[in-house]
Structure formats: C-alpha cells, structure tokens
Amino acid sequence: MSVPQVAVTSERLDSEALVALVNANGDGAVVTFAGLVRDHNQGRQVQFLEYEAYEPLATRALQRIVDEAHELWPGARVAVHHRLGRLEIGEASIVIAAASAHRADAFAACRYTIERVKQIVPIWKREHFDGGDIWLEGATADPDDEAAREKAYRTACA
C-alpha cells in the first residue's frame, strides 16, 4: 500500500513510513518531528485528547504547507500526517518528515511545516482533564496571510 505525502487519519501514525517516503532518493539528511500527547497542560492533569477536523479542508491545508516548503527549500521533500479521534498520553498526534541533501534545509522545512500547521490547518483539539474538558484554540490565520507565512519562515530559520 502506498503512503500518501499528506494525510488526516484516525489510524496510528507511522514515522518510519514517512521517512522512507521522503528519503527515497537516499539524501544526506532526514529530520522528523512527532507531536505527542502530554500528560499535563496549563497546570491540569490531562487524561486524553480528541482531535476533529473537516478532513478534505485539513488535507488541502497540509498539501498547501508541503507545497510552500518545497517552494522555499526546492531540494527538500516533506510529508506530514495528522491524527484524528481519541489519543492517549504518549501517542503521536502529528508526524512530519523532511529530507534534503543538506541538514539545514531539512531542519528548516520540518520546522516551517509544524509552524504553518499550527497557523492554518483546521483541526480542533479537545482536552480531557481531571474535572472536565475544554476545546483549545486551533488554527486562526488566513492561509493567504503573508505576514503569518513570513513569521513561520522566520521561526523555521532562526
């Protein structure tokens, strides 16, 4: 079965599959990022998280980010998968893999991708904690907002 470059899925995420996808050419650098469900947030003991999305729109936003990263770092290849549904402590909610001939481009493309995901991908997170639950603010930037895109670029290249 073929691994897609971008995905929004309820299936467990596979970082090794993403690494194999982006590094098919055998480049010199591969960088991965996995966002894991942590057991605490804002002074609360987290029990689990739930993620929801309008999948077609979220998938298009992820593809847009991958395309932007390719424009900025033409030699880099990026793949990103985001999980939906109930996630337990320690499970990956997002996995990003970036490959390039040079480590600087792979690091920058990976960092840019997570910064843009936080800005523009319509995925909502519900945090369940001791005593209740709360929806946490999700992506708020307009995908066409050049200032937001520039901020993500500056952060990636810092």
Protein backbone atom coordinates (compact mmCIF):
# COMPACT_ATOMS: atom_id res chain seq x y z
CA MET A 1 0.00 0.00 0.00
CA SER A 2 1.30 3.43 -0.96
CA VAL A 3 1.98 6.02 1.76
CA PRO A 4 0.49 9.44 0.95
CA GLN A 5 2.55 12.59 1.32
CA VAL A 6 -0.18 14.20 3.43
CA ALA A 7 -2.90 12.54 5.46
CA VAL A 8 -5.52 13.22 8.10
CA THR A 9 -6.36 9.86 9.61
CA SER A 10 -7.74 8.03 12.62
CA GLU A 11 -5.01 5.39 12.18
CA ARG A 12 -1.88 5.27 14.35
CA LEU A 13 0.89 7.34 12.72
CA ASP A 14 3.99 5.65 11.27
CA SER A 15 7.09 7.87 11.26
CA GLU A 16 9.22 5.18 9.60
CA ALA A 17 6.88 5.09 6.60
CA LEU A 18 7.13 8.86 6.23
CA VAL A 19 10.94 8.74 6.47
CA ALA A 20 11.05 6.08 3.74
CA LEU A 21 8.73 8.18 1.56
CA VAL A 22 10.72 11.42 1.75
CA ASN A 23 14.12 9.74 1.64
CA ALA A 24 13.52 7.54 -1.40
CA ASN A 25 16.49 9.24 -3.12
CA GLY A 26 18.84 8.49 -0.23
CA ASP A 27 19.61 12.09 0.70
CA GLY A 28 22.08 13.03 3.39
CA ALA A 29 19.66 14.43 5.95
CA VAL A 30 16.29 13.38 7.31
CA VAL A 31 14.57 15.26 10.10
CA THR A 32 11.43 14.04 11.85
CA PHE A 33 9.07 15.70 14.27
CA ALA A 34 6.43 13.91 16.33
CA GLY A 35 3.95 15.87 18.41
CA LEU A 36 2.96 13.67 21.36
CA VAL A 37 0.02 13.91 23.74
CA ARG A 38 1.44 15.12 27.03
CA ASP A 39 0.04 14.36 30.46
CA HIS A 40 -0.23 17.98 31.59
CA ASN A 41 -1.22 21.37 30.20
CA GLN A 42 -1.80 24.73 31.88
CA GLY A 43 -1.47 23.21 35.34
CA ARG A 44 -4.01 20.45 34.66
CA GLN A 45 -3.52 16.69 34.59
CA VAL A 46 -4.52 15.63 31.06
CA GLN A 47 -6.33 12.30 30.66
CA PHE A 48 -6.55 12.17 26.85
CA LEU A 49 -7.16 14.35 23.77
CA GLU A 50 -9.69 14.23 20.97
CA TYR A 51 -9.00 15.74 17.55
CA GLU A 52 -11.67 16.64 15.00
CA ALA A 53 -11.41 18.08 11.51
CA TYR A 54 -13.21 18.64 8.28
CA GLU A 55 -10.89 16.19 6.56
CA PRO A 56 -10.97 17.48 2.95
CA LEU A 57 -10.12 21.02 4.05
CA ALA A 58 -7.47 19.88 6.53
CA THR A 59 -5.84 17.68 3.88
CA ARG A 60 -5.78 20.57 1.39
CA ALA A 61 -4.18 22.81 4.02
CA LEU A 62 -1.49 20.20 4.72
CA GLN A 63 -0.78 19.88 0.99
CA ARG A 64 -0.54 23.67 0.71
CA ILE A 65 2.07 23.69 3.50
CA VAL A 66 4.11 20.92 1.85
CA ASP A 67 3.99 22.89 -1.43
CA GLU A 68 5.09 26.09 0.36
CA ALA A 69 8.02 24.23 1.96
CA HIS A 70 9.04 22.93 -1.46
CA GLU A 71 8.98 26.49 -2.86
CA LEU A 72 11.18 27.74 -0.01
CA TRP A 73 13.57 24.75 0.02
CA PRO A 74 13.36 23.26 -3.50
CA GLY A 75 15.65 20.33 -2.68
CA ALA A 76 13.64 19.28 0.37
CA ARG A 77 10.85 16.73 0.39
CA VAL A 78 8.27 16.89 3.18
CA ALA A 79 5.49 14.56 4.31
CA VAL A 80 3.04 15.19 7.14
CA HIS A 81 0.29 13.09 8.73
CA HIS A 82 -2.11 14.27 11.45
CA ARG A 83 -4.21 12.01 13.60
CA LEU A 84 -7.91 12.39 14.47
CA GLY A 85 -10.04 10.84 17.17
CA ARG A 86 -9.16 9.91 20.73
CA LEU A 87 -5.45 9.87 21.55
CA GLU A 88 -3.96 8.63 24.78
CA ILE A 89 -0.99 10.10 26.63
CA GLY A 90 2.21 9.49 24.67
CA GLU A 91 0.54 8.87 21.29
CA ALA A 92 1.59 10.93 18.26
CA SER A 93 -0.93 13.47 17.04
CA ILE A 94 1.28 14.65 14.17
CA VAL A 95 4.35 13.30 12.40
CA ILE A 96 6.44 15.29 9.93
CA ALA A 97 9.42 14.02 7.94
CA ALA A 98 11.68 16.21 5.81
CA ALA A 99 14.61 15.05 3.70
CA SER A 100 17.24 17.06 1.88
CA ALA A 101 20.82 16.76 0.73
CA HIS A 102 21.73 19.23 3.48
CA ARG A 103 20.63 19.21 7.12
CA ALA A 104 19.86 22.95 7.31
CA ASP A 105 17.16 22.66 4.64
CA ALA A 106 15.68 19.52 6.20
CA PHE A 107 15.51 21.15 9.66
CA ALA A 108 14.04 24.38 8.28
CA ALA A 109 11.42 22.63 6.14
CA CYS A 110 10.34 20.46 9.08
CA ARG A 111 10.11 23.42 11.48
CA TYR A 112 8.27 25.53 8.90
CA THR A 113 5.75 22.74 8.43
CA ILE A 114 4.78 22.49 12.11
CA GLU A 115 4.61 26.28 12.46
CA ARG A 116 2.24 26.51 9.48
CA VAL A 117 0.15 23.57 10.70
CA LYS A 118 -0.45 25.50 13.93
CA GLN A 119 -1.39 28.57 11.89
CA ILE A 120 -3.71 27.33 9.16
CA VAL A 121 -4.82 23.70 9.41
CA PRO A 122 -8.45 23.39 10.60
CA ILE A 123 -8.01 20.66 13.18
CA TRP A 124 -9.60 21.14 16.59
CA LYS A 125 -8.34 19.70 19.86
CA ARG A 126 -10.48 18.82 22.87
CA GLU A 127 -8.52 18.28 26.05
CA HIS A 128 -9.96 16.00 28.72
CA PHE A 129 -8.51 16.55 32.18
CA ASP A 130 -9.29 15.79 35.81
CA GLY A 131 -12.55 17.63 36.44
CA GLY A 132 -13.67 18.44 32.89
CA ASP A 133 -12.76 19.16 29.30
CA ILE A 134 -12.12 22.17 27.08
CA TRP A 135 -11.74 22.91 23.39
CA LEU A 136 -8.34 24.51 22.79
CA GLU A 137 -7.91 27.26 20.21
CA GLY A 138 -6.86 25.90 16.86
CA ALA A 139 -5.58 27.45 13.66
CA THR A 140 -6.61 31.08 13.31
CA ALA A 141 -4.52 32.55 10.48
CA ASP A 142 -5.86 33.08 6.99
CA PRO A 143 -3.84 30.74 4.72
CA ASP A 144 -3.22 33.71 2.38
CA ASP A 145 -1.89 35.93 5.20
CA GLU A 146 1.66 36.69 4.05
CA ALA A 147 2.63 38.07 7.49
CA ALA A 148 1.74 34.72 9.10
CA ARG A 149 3.66 32.85 6.42
CA GLU A 150 6.68 35.13 6.94
CA LYS A 151 6.51 34.58 10.71
CA ALA A 152 6.60 30.80 10.18
CA TYR A 153 9.57 31.22 7.84
CA ARG A 154 11.49 33.39 10.33
CA THR A 155 10.82 30.88 13.12
CA ALA A 156 11.97 27.98 10.93
CA CYS A 157 15.18 29.74 10.02
CA ALA A 158 16.01 31.15 13.46
